[in-house]
Structure formats: C-alpha cells, structure tokens
C-alpha cells in the first residue's frame, strides 16, 4: 500500500473516531463510506479493520464513565446482534467476489438512509418501544455490521426515537458497537479471513484511535448537538449518493 493511500485511510479513521466519540456513532459509516467511495481499500479489509479499531474507541471512550444503560435492553440487543453478525459475514464471503457492485450500491443506500433519517431529528416517542423491537433492531444492526462493518443506522435510528437521555443513548451505542465489533472480529478470524493487511493496518490505526478518542473527550466541537448531527449527515448523504451512482454506472456498463 502506497504512503498517500495509507495516510488517507488513517485520516478518515481519525475523523470517524472523533465523531463517534462525541456522538456515540459514526466511525463505521464515515470510514467505510469514504474509503470505499474513494477506492482506497477493499470493503472486506476496511470492514474488518473498523471492527478492531471500534473496540479500542469504545473502551477508551467509556473509561472513567459509568456504564449507563439498562440491562434488559442491552441483553435483547446483544441477543439479536450475534446471529445477525454471523449471517452478515457469511453473506459478505459469498457476495464480495461476484457482486461487488451490488454491495457497493447497498452500502450507499444504507449510508444515504442514515443521512436522510437524521438530517431532521426523528420524532421522539413518549413511551419506550416494546422489548422485542430492541431484539429486531439488534439483529438488523448485527446484519449490517457483519455485511458492511457498519452497524450504526438501524440501532441509532431506533435508540434516538426512545425517551432516553443523550448520555444513556451514547453509552448504549458504544457498548453495543463494542459487542458487534468483537463478534464480527471473532467470525472473521474463525473463517480464516484475517489477512495480514488487516492486522498491520489495525496495528497502525489503534494508537491513532486511542489518541483521537482522548482528544475528542477533552475537546468536543463548539457546536450544538443538532448542528453537529446535521453536518455529519449532510456528509453521509453525499457519500451515500456517490456510492449508489458509482454502483449504478458500473452495473449499467457491465450489462
């Protein structure tokens, strides 16, 4: 891998880490969306790297803070996540060689959906959703995490609609992403797909992630939560639209 490409990948990881630390989500969406759209690295490799570095981001972000969250919600989310991740990794192994363009389009659609969903704040429910909804949300996030390495959109959308405090949402998201990343990493390793490129890129990225996470905790952006959210999702919509356009163009050219 050439040095400019490596630096570009590390820059996207730094940006994604900063936003995930201050918002509770965003690392997978931003890093995978940018690196895949710019053809910096293959989807399976960057998805595996994101899973590894997310573990360190969540660990550092939660250090010194109480693990806010409700056990029942966390249990249901994790129960849904584990089979979802396994199915997603299996689908990625089956489709990555024969349907690269379709995967790229699906990734773009997911990123675009995330941007559109949160450009305008979702209406908050007065009452908490049914318990089974957290199970389904966990499965959807696990599937997205296993297939694309970005478990954010389904669970973020669901949690931000609940009558929870922002601190509670952030803590739940970080803990769930840690579980998703650990599950996905184990699945990739068990399948024998832990390539050397994944390991050395992760080894370089992990110290950067730790430093950026500590920096973000100490120096959050001088923006309100609504302003930060709108800025992030404007970028996401651009990335998602670009991915879908490239996928459609490639499929039309191949037909």
Protein backbone atom coordinates (compact mmCIF):
# COMPACT_ATOMS: atom_id res chain seq x y z
CA UNK A 1 0.00 0.00 0.00
CA UNK A 2 1.38 3.38 -1.02
CA UNK A 3 2.02 6.01 1.66
CA UNK A 4 -0.57 8.56 0.33
CA UNK A 5 -3.25 5.87 0.40
CA UNK A 6 -2.31 4.81 3.93
CA UNK A 7 -2.38 8.41 5.14
CA UNK A 8 -5.78 8.96 3.54
CA UNK A 9 -7.17 5.86 5.28
CA UNK A 10 -5.75 6.96 8.63
CA UNK A 11 -7.22 10.44 8.14
CA UNK A 12 -10.71 9.00 7.60
CA UNK A 13 -10.28 6.79 10.68
CA UNK A 14 -9.29 9.85 12.74
CA UNK A 15 -12.35 11.81 11.55
CA UNK A 16 -14.69 8.87 12.16
CA UNK A 17 -13.22 8.25 15.62
CA UNK A 18 -13.66 11.88 16.64
CA UNK A 19 -17.32 11.97 15.62
CA UNK A 20 -18.13 8.61 17.19
CA UNK A 21 -16.60 9.71 20.48
CA UNK A 22 -18.70 12.88 20.69
CA UNK A 23 -21.93 11.47 19.23
CA UNK A 24 -21.88 7.76 20.10
CA UNK A 25 -21.79 6.63 16.45
CA UNK A 26 -20.30 7.40 13.06
CA UNK A 27 -16.94 5.61 12.90
CA UNK A 28 -18.03 2.74 10.67
CA UNK A 29 -20.29 4.84 8.46
CA UNK A 30 -17.73 7.58 7.86
CA UNK A 31 -14.63 5.39 7.49
CA UNK A 32 -16.16 2.69 5.29
CA UNK A 33 -18.22 5.17 3.30
CA UNK A 34 -15.20 7.37 2.47
CA UNK A 35 -12.59 4.66 1.90
CA UNK A 36 -14.87 2.56 -0.33
CA UNK A 37 -16.17 5.55 -2.29
CA UNK A 38 -12.59 6.69 -2.95
CA UNK A 39 -11.43 3.11 -3.76
CA UNK A 40 -8.70 3.32 -1.12
CA UNK A 41 -9.14 -0.25 0.11
CA UNK A 42 -11.48 -3.21 -0.40
CA UNK A 43 -14.71 -3.44 1.58
CA UNK A 44 -13.86 -6.73 3.41
CA UNK A 45 -10.49 -5.37 4.58
CA UNK A 46 -11.69 -1.98 5.84
CA UNK A 47 -14.77 -3.56 7.44
CA UNK A 48 -12.52 -5.89 9.45
CA UNK A 49 -10.19 -3.03 10.41
CA UNK A 50 -13.11 -0.87 11.54
CA UNK A 51 -14.35 -3.70 13.76
CA UNK A 52 -10.98 -3.93 15.50
CA UNK A 53 -10.43 -0.20 16.00
CA UNK A 54 -14.02 0.29 17.17
CA UNK A 55 -13.27 -1.94 20.15
CA UNK A 56 -10.48 0.38 21.25
CA UNK A 57 -12.54 3.51 20.57
CA UNK A 58 -15.42 2.23 22.72
CA UNK A 59 -13.08 1.12 25.50
CA UNK A 60 -11.27 4.47 25.70
CA UNK A 61 -14.48 6.49 25.28
CA UNK A 62 -16.13 4.69 28.21
CA UNK A 63 -13.11 4.79 30.54
CA UNK A 64 -13.86 6.68 33.74
CA UNK A 65 -17.54 6.90 32.93
CA UNK A 66 -20.37 4.90 34.49
CA UNK A 67 -21.71 2.24 32.16
CA UNK A 68 -25.07 3.85 31.75
CA UNK A 69 -27.68 1.53 30.35
CA UNK A 70 -30.49 -0.83 31.19
CA UNK A 71 -29.55 -4.49 31.39
CA UNK A 72 -32.75 -5.75 29.76
CA UNK A 73 -32.27 -3.53 26.70
CA UNK A 74 -28.61 -4.44 26.36
CA UNK A 75 -29.33 -8.18 26.63
CA UNK A 76 -32.02 -8.03 23.93
CA UNK A 77 -29.77 -6.01 21.62
CA UNK A 78 -26.84 -8.41 22.04
CA UNK A 79 -29.06 -11.49 21.55
CA UNK A 80 -30.14 -10.02 18.23
CA UNK A 81 -26.67 -8.83 17.22
CA UNK A 82 -24.78 -12.16 17.45
CA UNK A 83 -26.76 -14.14 14.81
CA UNK A 84 -27.08 -11.01 12.68
CA UNK A 85 -23.30 -10.57 12.55
CA UNK A 86 -22.74 -14.23 11.65
CA UNK A 87 -25.25 -14.02 8.79
CA UNK A 88 -23.75 -10.75 7.56
CA UNK A 89 -20.19 -12.13 7.48
CA UNK A 90 -21.44 -15.23 5.63
CA UNK A 91 -23.20 -13.09 3.02
CA UNK A 92 -20.10 -10.92 2.58
CA UNK A 93 -17.96 -14.01 1.93
CA UNK A 94 -20.47 -15.27 -0.63
CA UNK A 95 -21.06 -12.00 -2.44
CA UNK A 96 -17.87 -9.94 -2.24
CA UNK A 97 -16.27 -11.52 -5.34
CA UNK A 98 -19.33 -11.95 -7.55
CA UNK A 99 -21.42 -8.95 -6.61
CA UNK A 100 -19.01 -6.16 -5.69
CA UNK A 101 -21.03 -3.51 -7.47
CA UNK A 102 -24.28 -4.59 -5.80
CA UNK A 103 -22.58 -4.50 -2.39
CA UNK A 104 -21.33 -1.00 -3.14
CA UNK A 105 -24.85 0.10 -4.05
CA UNK A 106 -26.33 -1.45 -0.91
CA UNK A 107 -23.69 0.28 1.18
CA UNK A 108 -24.52 3.59 -0.48
CA UNK A 109 -28.24 3.09 0.15
CA UNK A 110 -27.62 2.40 3.83
CA UNK A 111 -25.42 5.48 4.24
CA UNK A 112 -27.92 7.65 2.36
CA UNK A 113 -30.75 6.34 4.55
CA UNK A 114 -28.77 7.23 7.66
CA UNK A 115 -28.24 10.75 6.40
CA UNK A 116 -31.84 11.32 5.42
CA UNK A 117 -33.16 9.83 8.67
CA UNK A 118 -31.13 12.14 10.86
CA UNK A 119 -30.91 15.29 8.82
CA UNK A 120 -34.17 16.08 10.59
CA UNK A 121 -34.45 14.87 14.17
CA UNK A 122 -36.70 11.80 14.37
CA UNK A 123 -39.83 12.29 16.44
CA UNK A 124 -39.17 11.06 19.97
CA UNK A 125 -41.62 8.54 21.34
CA UNK A 126 -43.46 9.34 24.55
CA UNK A 127 -43.22 5.71 25.69
CA UNK A 128 -40.44 3.18 25.28
CA UNK A 129 -40.80 0.73 22.39
CA UNK A 130 -41.71 -2.91 23.01
CA UNK A 131 -38.87 -5.14 24.19
CA UNK A 132 -38.98 -7.26 21.02
CA UNK A 133 -38.23 -4.16 18.95
CA UNK A 134 -34.77 -3.97 20.55
CA UNK A 135 -34.18 -7.60 19.58
CA UNK A 136 -35.10 -6.86 15.95
CA UNK A 137 -33.03 -3.68 15.98
CA UNK A 138 -30.06 -5.62 17.30
CA UNK A 139 -30.41 -8.25 14.58
CA UNK A 140 -30.64 -5.58 11.86
CA UNK A 141 -27.57 -3.82 13.23
CA UNK A 142 -25.66 -7.10 13.52
CA UNK A 143 -26.52 -7.95 9.92
CA UNK A 144 -25.35 -4.52 8.75
CA UNK A 145 -22.24 -4.79 10.90
CA UNK A 146 -21.36 -8.24 9.56
CA UNK A 147 -22.07 -7.39 5.93
CA UNK A 148 -20.77 -3.83 5.77
CA UNK A 149 -18.83 -3.37 9.02
CA UNK A 150 -21.18 -0.50 9.93
CA UNK A 151 -23.83 -1.42 12.45
CA UNK A 152 -24.93 2.14 13.11
CA UNK A 153 -28.01 3.10 11.07
CA UNK A 154 -30.66 0.62 12.35
CA UNK A 155 -29.84 0.84 16.04
CA UNK A 156 -29.06 4.57 16.07
CA UNK A 157 -32.39 5.34 14.45
CA UNK A 158 -34.23 3.15 16.95
CA UNK A 159 -32.48 4.45 20.07
CA UNK A 160 -32.72 8.11 19.16
CA UNK A 161 -36.51 7.73 18.95
CA UNK A 162 -36.72 6.45 22.52
CA UNK A 163 -37.42 8.75 25.51
CA UNK A 164 -33.81 8.32 26.70
CA UNK A 165 -31.25 10.91 27.76
CA UNK A 166 -28.41 11.63 25.34
CA UNK A 167 -25.85 10.19 27.77
CA UNK A 168 -27.84 6.96 28.01
CA UNK A 169 -28.09 6.66 24.23
CA UNK A 170 -24.36 7.27 23.79
CA UNK A 171 -23.41 4.70 26.42
CA UNK A 172 -25.74 2.06 24.97
CA UNK A 173 -24.44 2.69 21.46
CA UNK A 174 -20.80 2.43 22.49
CA UNK A 175 -21.39 -0.79 24.42
CA UNK A 176 -23.43 -2.32 21.60
CA UNK A 177 -20.84 -1.35 18.98
CA UNK A 178 -18.16 -2.95 21.13
CA UNK A 179 -20.18 -6.20 21.24
CA UNK A 180 -20.84 -6.06 17.49
CA UNK A 181 -17.19 -5.41 16.68
CA UNK A 182 -15.98 -8.20 18.94
CA UNK A 183 -18.48 -10.65 17.44
CA UNK A 184 -17.56 -9.70 13.89
CA UNK A 185 -13.82 -9.95 14.57
CA UNK A 186 -14.26 -13.44 16.04
CA UNK A 187 -16.31 -14.51 13.00
CA UNK A 188 -13.71 -13.18 10.55
CA UNK A 189 -10.89 -14.90 12.45
CA UNK A 190 -12.80 -18.19 12.70
CA UNK A 191 -13.43 -18.12 8.95
CA UNK A 192 -9.70 -17.73 8.30
CA UNK A 193 -10.17 -14.34 6.65
CA UNK A 194 -7.92 -12.33 8.97
CA UNK A 195 -5.49 -11.24 6.27
CA UNK A 196 -2.06 -9.77 7.11
CA UNK A 197 -3.16 -6.44 5.61
CA UNK A 198 -5.98 -6.27 8.17
CA UNK A 199 -3.61 -6.91 11.05
CA UNK A 200 -0.90 -4.42 10.12
CA UNK A 201 -3.37 -1.69 9.18
CA UNK A 202 -5.18 -2.21 12.50
CA UNK A 203 -1.86 -2.12 14.39
CA UNK A 204 -1.11 1.28 12.85
CA UNK A 205 -4.64 2.62 13.39
CA UNK A 206 -5.19 1.55 17.02
CA UNK A 207 -2.76 4.06 18.62
CA UNK A 208 -4.24 6.80 16.43
CA UNK A 209 -7.76 5.86 17.53
CA UNK A 210 -6.78 5.95 21.21
CA UNK A 211 -5.19 9.40 20.86
CA UNK A 212 -8.07 10.88 18.87
CA UNK A 213 -10.62 9.44 21.31
CA UNK A 214 -8.87 11.07 24.28
CA UNK A 215 -8.59 14.33 22.34
CA UNK A 216 -12.31 14.28 21.48
CA UNK A 217 -13.28 13.66 25.11
CA UNK A 218 -11.26 16.68 26.18
CA UNK A 219 -12.02 18.97 23.23
CA UNK A 220 -15.55 18.42 21.89
CA UNK A 221 -16.57 20.57 18.91
CA UNK A 222 -18.03 24.04 19.65
CA UNK A 223 -21.34 23.01 18.06
CA UNK A 224 -24.71 22.12 19.45
CA UNK A 225 -25.82 18.51 19.13
CA UNK A 226 -28.29 19.42 16.38
CA UNK A 227 -25.67 21.36 14.41
CA UNK A 228 -23.14 18.54 14.66
CA UNK A 229 -25.71 15.94 13.66
CA UNK A 230 -26.80 17.89 10.59
CA UNK A 231 -23.21 18.45 9.49
CA UNK A 232 -22.35 14.76 9.78
CA UNK A 233 -25.44 13.59 7.95
CA UNK A 234 -25.01 16.08 5.13
CA UNK A 235 -21.63 14.46 4.50
CA UNK A 236 -23.18 11.00 4.77
CA UNK A 237 -25.82 11.82 2.16
CA UNK A 238 -23.10 12.94 -0.25
CA UNK A 239 -21.13 9.73 0.35
CA UNK A 240 -24.21 7.52 0.01
CA UNK A 241 -25.34 9.24 -3.17
CA UNK A 242 -21.88 8.89 -4.70
CA UNK A 243 -21.66 5.17 -3.85
CA UNK A 244 -25.08 4.48 -5.37
CA UNK A 245 -24.23 6.44 -8.52
CA UNK A 246 -20.93 4.57 -8.99
CA UNK A 247 -22.64 1.23 -8.42
CA UNK A 248 -25.40 2.01 -10.92
CA UNK A 249 -22.88 3.21 -13.52
CA UNK A 250 -20.77 0.06 -13.10
CA UNK A 251 -23.77 -2.25 -13.37
CA UNK A 252 -25.03 -0.45 -16.48
CA UNK A 253 -21.56 -0.64 -18.02
CA UNK A 254 -21.36 -4.36 -17.32
CA UNK A 255 -24.76 -5.09 -18.84
